[in-house]
Amino acid sequence: MRRLTLRLTVLSCFLILSIPLCSLSGEVDAATPGRFMLKLSLGGGRLNLDDISAVVREGESSAATRVPGGTMVPGSGIPEPGPCYDAGAELLVFLSPRWALGLEVALNGNTKMGQVGWMGSENTAARHASEVRHTVVPIRLSARYFLGRRGFRAYALAGAGLYPGRLNLIQKDQVRSITEESLMLFVAQGRGTAVGLHAGVGAAFPLTRRLRVFVEAVGQSVRIASLNGGGIIQDLKTGLDDWNQGEFWVVTFERGGRVGKKVVVASEQPDDPTILQAKKLEMDLSGWTLRAGIIIGL
């Protein structure tokens, strides 16, 4: 989270320092063939992250079942991991007054963390904490069609891109009673890459001869089919310290009459009598973003 905030801050400073470029000669409206423009954006949106959200919610449910009939302790709660930040820089080249191609390198992601707790009537308590951090560095190629020649210009865009993604997942379960106390910790880091499609609409407004501001909404369809990395399970009560490397799996299991889900890192598909289903964890990056920024004529 700190690295993402630092990068957004640097990019914001760059946007401000770029404004003096607008004093140069020429007009941004004169989108002559072969002309280059630099587009800088900041924004936010929401991604699906379906499998990851299901695992996060499962942690909450699991904590409640450890204290049957218990009462929820007021706390921060665990937020959905889907909301994200988005920043990007794109180089546009005009093929005609209405058509332009753009190559963009972006950075989006977020860190969501929180905890829930339950208290029982027999001095039993359970607490579950979760931290999910996802980071994606999309490289997109887009085609834009502009309406209008000078002043306000609306446009539509569509294209494809490469989406390298990274997921960090931390889950901590603590159960405490008069007779015993247990603490389980799961930490995993995985990476994956997918090709995706995107499309959107936007509008640009002139400020000076070489500077415009814009707003745009973009939707994307991207699904990283599998993640590879490493994960460790630590049991501070028994001293268990189990490190595994391989693919990320979402495992549906049955234990004590209860059906639940968890993430497992393994080189092969997990196989256990308690496992009802095991499938590769997918990082669904489909969703939308709303961005704003400046376009500078070069």
Protein backbone atom coordinates (compact mmCIF):
# COMPACT_ATOMS: atom_id res chain seq x y z
CA MET A 1 0.00 0.00 0.00
CA ARG A 2 2.81 2.39 0.84
CA ARG A 3 4.50 1.70 -2.50
CA LEU A 4 1.25 2.29 -4.38
CA THR A 5 0.63 5.56 -2.50
CA LEU A 6 4.20 6.70 -3.23
CA ARG A 7 3.84 5.97 -6.93
CA LEU A 8 0.53 7.83 -7.11
CA THR A 9 2.10 10.80 -5.33
CA VAL A 10 5.05 10.88 -7.77
CA LEU A 11 2.67 10.69 -10.71
CA SER A 12 0.54 13.53 -9.27
CA CYS A 13 3.65 15.71 -8.93
CA PHE A 14 4.55 14.91 -12.52
CA LEU A 15 1.09 16.03 -13.64
CA ILE A 16 1.54 19.38 -11.90
CA LEU A 17 5.07 19.91 -13.21
CA SER A 18 3.89 19.11 -16.74
CA ILE A 19 1.51 22.08 -16.88
CA PRO A 20 4.23 24.58 -17.91
CA LEU A 21 4.57 22.65 -21.17
CA CYS A 22 1.31 24.23 -22.29
CA SER A 23 3.10 27.52 -22.95
CA LEU A 24 4.74 26.01 -26.03
CA SER A 25 3.43 26.92 -29.47
CA GLY A 26 0.82 24.93 -31.41
CA GLU A 27 -2.70 23.73 -30.67
CA VAL A 28 -3.84 20.45 -29.23
CA ASP A 29 -6.94 20.60 -31.45
CA ALA A 30 -4.86 20.36 -34.59
CA ALA A 31 -4.72 16.55 -34.46
CA THR A 32 -2.75 16.20 -37.66
CA PRO A 33 -1.60 12.74 -38.79
CA GLY A 34 1.67 11.73 -37.12
CA ARG A 35 1.21 14.03 -34.15
CA PHE A 36 2.02 12.69 -30.64
CA MET A 37 0.28 13.49 -27.36
CA LEU A 38 0.94 12.36 -23.79
CA LYS A 39 -2.05 11.36 -21.66
CA LEU A 40 -1.64 11.13 -17.85
CA SER A 41 -4.46 9.82 -15.65
CA LEU A 42 -5.50 9.09 -12.07
CA GLY A 43 -8.68 7.39 -10.92
CA GLY A 44 -10.31 4.42 -9.29
CA GLY A 45 -12.84 1.69 -9.85
CA ARG A 46 -13.97 -1.77 -8.86
CA LEU A 47 -12.81 -5.24 -9.94
CA ASN A 48 -14.66 -8.52 -9.44
CA LEU A 49 -12.01 -10.65 -7.65
CA ASP A 50 -14.76 -13.25 -7.13
CA ASP A 51 -12.69 -16.17 -5.80
CA ILE A 52 -10.67 -13.92 -3.53
CA SER A 53 -13.81 -12.30 -2.10
CA ALA A 54 -15.29 -15.74 -1.41
CA VAL A 55 -12.19 -16.79 0.53
CA VAL A 56 -12.23 -13.57 2.57
CA ARG A 57 -15.91 -14.05 3.49
CA GLU A 58 -15.24 -17.69 4.39
CA GLY A 59 -12.73 -16.52 7.01
CA GLU A 60 -15.44 -14.46 8.69
CA SER A 61 -17.90 -17.37 8.71
CA SER A 62 -15.27 -19.74 10.06
CA ALA A 63 -14.55 -17.47 13.03
CA ALA A 64 -18.24 -17.41 13.95
CA THR A 65 -18.55 -21.22 13.93
CA ARG A 66 -15.71 -21.53 16.43
CA VAL A 67 -17.90 -19.86 19.04
CA PRO A 68 -21.40 -21.39 18.67
CA GLY A 69 -24.07 -19.02 19.89
CA GLY A 70 -21.50 -16.30 20.48
CA THR A 71 -21.81 -12.54 20.05
CA MET A 72 -19.89 -10.51 17.50
CA VAL A 73 -17.35 -8.13 18.99
CA PRO A 74 -17.46 -4.56 17.64
CA GLY A 75 -14.45 -3.99 15.39
CA SER A 76 -13.21 -2.81 12.05
CA GLY A 77 -14.81 -5.53 9.94
CA ILE A 78 -13.26 -6.96 6.78
CA PRO A 79 -13.88 -4.89 3.61
CA GLU A 80 -14.42 -6.26 0.12
CA PRO A 81 -11.12 -6.43 -1.84
CA GLY A 82 -12.65 -5.21 -5.13
CA PRO A 83 -12.23 -1.38 -5.00
CA CYS A 84 -8.94 -0.26 -6.56
CA TYR A 85 -6.80 2.73 -7.45
CA ASP A 86 -5.67 3.36 -11.02
CA ALA A 87 -2.89 5.47 -12.54
CA GLY A 88 -1.47 5.45 -16.05
CA ALA A 89 0.57 7.14 -18.76
CA GLU A 90 -0.32 6.73 -22.44
CA LEU A 91 1.41 7.89 -25.61
CA LEU A 92 -1.08 8.77 -28.36
CA VAL A 93 -0.27 9.07 -32.07
CA PHE A 94 -2.91 10.46 -34.44
CA LEU A 95 -3.44 8.59 -37.70
CA SER A 96 -6.01 11.16 -38.84
CA PRO A 97 -7.93 14.04 -37.23
CA ARG A 98 -10.39 11.49 -35.83
CA TRP A 99 -8.38 8.28 -35.29
CA ALA A 100 -5.55 7.74 -32.78
CA LEU A 101 -3.62 4.79 -31.42
CA GLY A 102 -2.37 4.71 -27.84
CA LEU A 103 0.13 2.62 -25.89
CA GLU A 104 -0.44 2.77 -22.13
CA VAL A 105 1.41 1.51 -19.07
CA ALA A 106 -0.72 1.65 -15.93
CA LEU A 107 -0.65 0.67 -12.27
CA ASN A 108 -3.70 -0.37 -10.30
CA GLY A 109 -4.45 -2.24 -7.12
CA ASN A 110 -5.20 -1.81 -3.46
CA THR A 111 -4.68 -3.24 0.02
CA LYS A 112 -7.71 -4.20 2.11
CA MET A 113 -7.39 -5.39 5.69
CA GLY A 114 -9.59 -5.86 8.72
CA GLN A 115 -10.67 -8.24 11.45
CA VAL A 116 -13.76 -9.72 13.11
CA GLY A 117 -14.21 -11.31 16.51
CA TRP A 118 -16.73 -13.42 18.44
CA MET A 119 -17.23 -13.91 22.19
CA GLY A 120 -18.91 -16.97 23.73
CA SER A 121 -20.70 -17.47 27.01
CA GLU A 122 -18.06 -19.89 28.33
CA ASN A 123 -15.03 -17.59 28.18
CA THR A 124 -14.29 -18.62 24.59
CA ALA A 125 -13.29 -16.09 21.95
CA ALA A 126 -12.34 -16.28 18.27
CA ARG A 127 -10.80 -13.66 16.03
CA HIS A 128 -10.08 -13.67 12.31
CA ALA A 129 -7.89 -11.10 10.55
CA SER A 130 -7.34 -10.78 6.82
CA GLU A 131 -5.15 -8.71 4.50
CA VAL A 132 -5.50 -8.81 0.71
CA ARG A 133 -3.18 -6.85 -1.55
CA HIS A 134 -3.46 -7.03 -5.32
CA THR A 135 -1.26 -5.18 -7.79
CA VAL A 136 -1.61 -5.14 -11.59
CA VAL A 137 0.60 -3.42 -14.19
CA PRO A 138 -1.48 -3.41 -17.41
CA ILE A 139 0.14 -2.71 -20.79
CA ARG A 140 -2.69 -1.70 -23.14
CA LEU A 141 -2.99 -0.89 -26.83
CA SER A 142 -6.07 1.22 -27.64
CA ALA A 143 -7.73 2.71 -30.70
CA ARG A 144 -9.71 5.95 -30.25
CA TYR A 145 -12.28 7.63 -32.46
CA PHE A 146 -12.83 11.35 -31.78
CA LEU A 147 -15.89 13.50 -32.49
CA GLY A 148 -15.40 17.22 -33.04
CA ARG A 149 -12.38 19.18 -34.26
CA ARG A 150 -11.90 22.04 -31.78
CA GLY A 151 -13.08 22.71 -28.25
CA PHE A 152 -15.00 19.87 -26.61
CA ARG A 153 -14.16 16.45 -28.07
CA ALA A 154 -15.87 13.18 -27.19
CA TYR A 155 -14.33 9.83 -28.02
CA ALA A 156 -14.82 6.08 -27.86
CA LEU A 157 -11.98 3.63 -27.30
CA ALA A 158 -11.36 -0.10 -27.48
CA GLY A 159 -8.35 -2.39 -27.40
CA ALA A 160 -6.46 -5.25 -25.80
CA GLY A 161 -3.72 -5.56 -23.23
CA LEU A 162 -1.40 -7.71 -21.17
CA TYR A 163 -2.19 -7.87 -17.45
CA PRO A 164 0.57 -9.12 -15.11
CA GLY A 165 -0.98 -9.47 -11.64
CA ARG A 166 0.26 -10.15 -8.14
CA LEU A 167 -1.68 -11.26 -5.07
CA ASN A 168 -0.57 -11.17 -1.42
CA LEU A 169 -2.90 -12.91 1.03
CA ILE A 170 -2.56 -13.03 4.83
CA GLN A 171 -5.07 -14.77 7.11
CA LYS A 172 -4.81 -15.14 10.87
CA ASP A 173 -7.11 -17.20 13.12
CA GLN A 174 -6.95 -17.03 16.91
CA VAL A 175 -9.07 -19.03 19.35
CA ARG A 176 -8.79 -18.53 23.10
CA SER A 177 -10.49 -20.26 26.02
CA ILE A 178 -9.79 -21.01 29.68
CA THR A 179 -7.94 -24.21 28.85
CA GLU A 180 -6.15 -23.44 25.59
CA GLU A 181 -5.12 -20.88 23.01
CA SER A 182 -4.34 -21.43 19.33
CA LEU A 183 -3.05 -19.14 16.59
CA MET A 184 -2.92 -20.15 12.93
CA LEU A 185 -1.24 -17.94 10.31
CA PHE A 186 -1.42 -18.32 6.52
CA VAL A 187 0.73 -16.11 4.26
CA ALA A 188 0.90 -16.52 0.47
CA GLN A 189 2.23 -14.60 -2.54
CA GLY A 190 1.28 -15.46 -6.11
CA ARG A 191 1.73 -14.10 -9.63
CA GLY A 192 -0.02 -14.61 -12.95
CA THR A 193 -0.56 -12.98 -16.34
CA ALA A 194 -3.50 -12.80 -18.74
CA VAL A 195 -4.56 -11.10 -21.96
CA GLY A 196 -7.69 -8.95 -21.67
CA LEU A 197 -10.01 -6.66 -23.62
CA HIS A 198 -11.22 -3.18 -22.74
CA ALA A 199 -13.55 -0.49 -24.06
CA GLY A 200 -14.83 2.87 -22.91
CA VAL A 201 -15.90 6.43 -23.60
CA GLY A 202 -14.49 9.80 -22.67
CA ALA A 203 -14.48 13.53 -23.25
CA ALA A 204 -11.69 16.12 -23.44
CA PHE A 205 -11.88 19.87 -22.78
CA PRO A 206 -9.25 22.47 -23.82
CA LEU A 207 -7.46 24.59 -21.22
CA THR A 208 -4.78 26.14 -23.42
CA ARG A 209 -3.33 25.65 -26.88
CA ARG A 210 -1.43 22.52 -25.86
CA LEU A 211 -3.22 21.29 -22.77
CA ARG A 212 -6.54 19.48 -22.28
CA VAL A 213 -8.28 17.86 -19.34
CA PHE A 214 -10.27 14.69 -19.80
CA VAL A 215 -12.56 12.24 -18.03
CA GLU A 216 -13.24 8.69 -19.16
CA ALA A 217 -14.93 5.49 -18.06
CA VAL A 218 -13.35 2.18 -19.07
CA GLY A 219 -14.56 -1.38 -18.62
CA GLN A 220 -12.31 -4.42 -18.94
CA SER A 221 -12.71 -8.18 -19.24
CA VAL A 222 -9.65 -9.96 -17.80
CA ARG A 223 -9.28 -13.24 -15.94
CA ILE A 224 -5.93 -14.65 -14.76
CA ALA A 225 -6.66 -18.38 -14.88
CA SER A 226 -4.01 -19.43 -12.36
CA LEU A 227 -1.49 -18.01 -9.91
CA ASN A 228 1.91 -19.47 -9.07
CA GLY A 229 3.88 -18.70 -5.95
CA GLY A 230 4.51 -19.79 -2.40
CA GLY A 231 2.61 -20.04 0.85
CA ILE A 232 3.33 -20.86 4.48
CA ILE A 233 1.09 -22.18 7.25
CA GLN A 234 2.22 -21.62 10.83
CA ASP A 235 0.61 -23.04 13.96
CA LEU A 236 2.09 -21.24 16.95
CA LYS A 237 0.57 -23.79 19.32
CA THR A 238 2.10 -26.95 17.80
CA GLY A 239 5.11 -25.34 16.15
CA LEU A 240 3.95 -26.36 12.65
CA ASP A 241 5.81 -24.43 9.94
CA ASP A 242 4.74 -25.78 6.54
CA TRP A 243 6.06 -24.04 3.39
CA ASN A 244 4.68 -25.00 -0.03
CA GLN A 245 5.29 -23.78 -3.56
CA GLY A 246 3.15 -24.23 -6.66
CA GLU A 247 -0.29 -23.13 -7.84
CA PHE A 248 -3.04 -21.48 -5.81
CA TRP A 249 -6.12 -23.67 -5.27
CA VAL A 250 -9.53 -22.89 -3.78
CA VAL A 251 -10.49 -25.98 -1.78
CA THR A 252 -14.04 -26.75 -0.64
CA PHE A 253 -13.88 -29.04 2.39
CA GLU A 254 -16.18 -30.68 4.92
CA ARG A 255 -15.14 -30.99 8.52
CA GLY A 256 -17.32 -31.69 11.54
CA GLY A 257 -20.47 -31.41 9.45
CA ARG A 258 -19.47 -27.94 8.18
CA VAL A 259 -18.63 -27.08 4.57
CA GLY A 260 -16.07 -24.32 4.06
CA LYS A 261 -13.44 -22.93 1.66
CA LYS A 262 -9.76 -22.12 1.97
CA VAL A 263 -6.73 -21.34 -0.20
CA VAL A 264 -4.07 -24.02 -0.59
CA VAL A 265 -0.71 -23.67 -2.35
CA ALA A 266 0.40 -26.97 -3.91
CA SER A 267 2.32 -28.28 -6.92
CA GLU A 268 -0.53 -30.71 -7.69
CA GLN A 269 -4.28 -30.67 -7.18
CA PRO A 270 -4.96 -31.22 -3.45
CA ASP A 271 -6.39 -34.65 -2.66
CA ASP A 272 -7.77 -35.42 0.79
CA PRO A 273 -10.81 -37.31 2.14
CA THR A 274 -12.23 -34.07 3.58
CA ILE A 275 -11.97 -32.22 0.22
CA LEU A 276 -15.18 -31.98 -1.78
CA GLN A 277 -13.77 -29.87 -4.61
CA ALA A 278 -10.47 -28.25 -5.57
CA LYS A 279 -10.10 -25.74 -8.40
CA LYS A 280 -7.42 -23.29 -9.41
CA LEU A 281 -7.87 -19.86 -7.87
CA GLU A 282 -8.70 -17.31 -10.56
CA MET A 283 -7.84 -13.63 -10.27
CA ASP A 284 -10.81 -11.99 -11.97
CA LEU A 285 -9.76 -8.47 -12.91
CA SER A 286 -12.94 -7.73 -14.86
CA GLY A 287 -14.60 -4.49 -13.83
CA TRP A 288 -14.54 -0.78 -14.49
CA THR A 289 -12.54 2.34 -13.71
CA LEU A 290 -13.30 6.06 -13.83
CA ARG A 291 -10.27 8.24 -14.62
CA ALA A 292 -9.39 11.87 -15.15
CA GLY A 293 -6.22 13.71 -16.09
CA ILE A 294 -4.48 15.82 -18.71
CA ILE A 295 -3.46 15.45 -22.35
CA ILE A 296 -0.33 17.32 -23.43
CA GLY A 297 0.50 18.09 -27.05
CA LEU A 298 4.11 17.14 -27.86
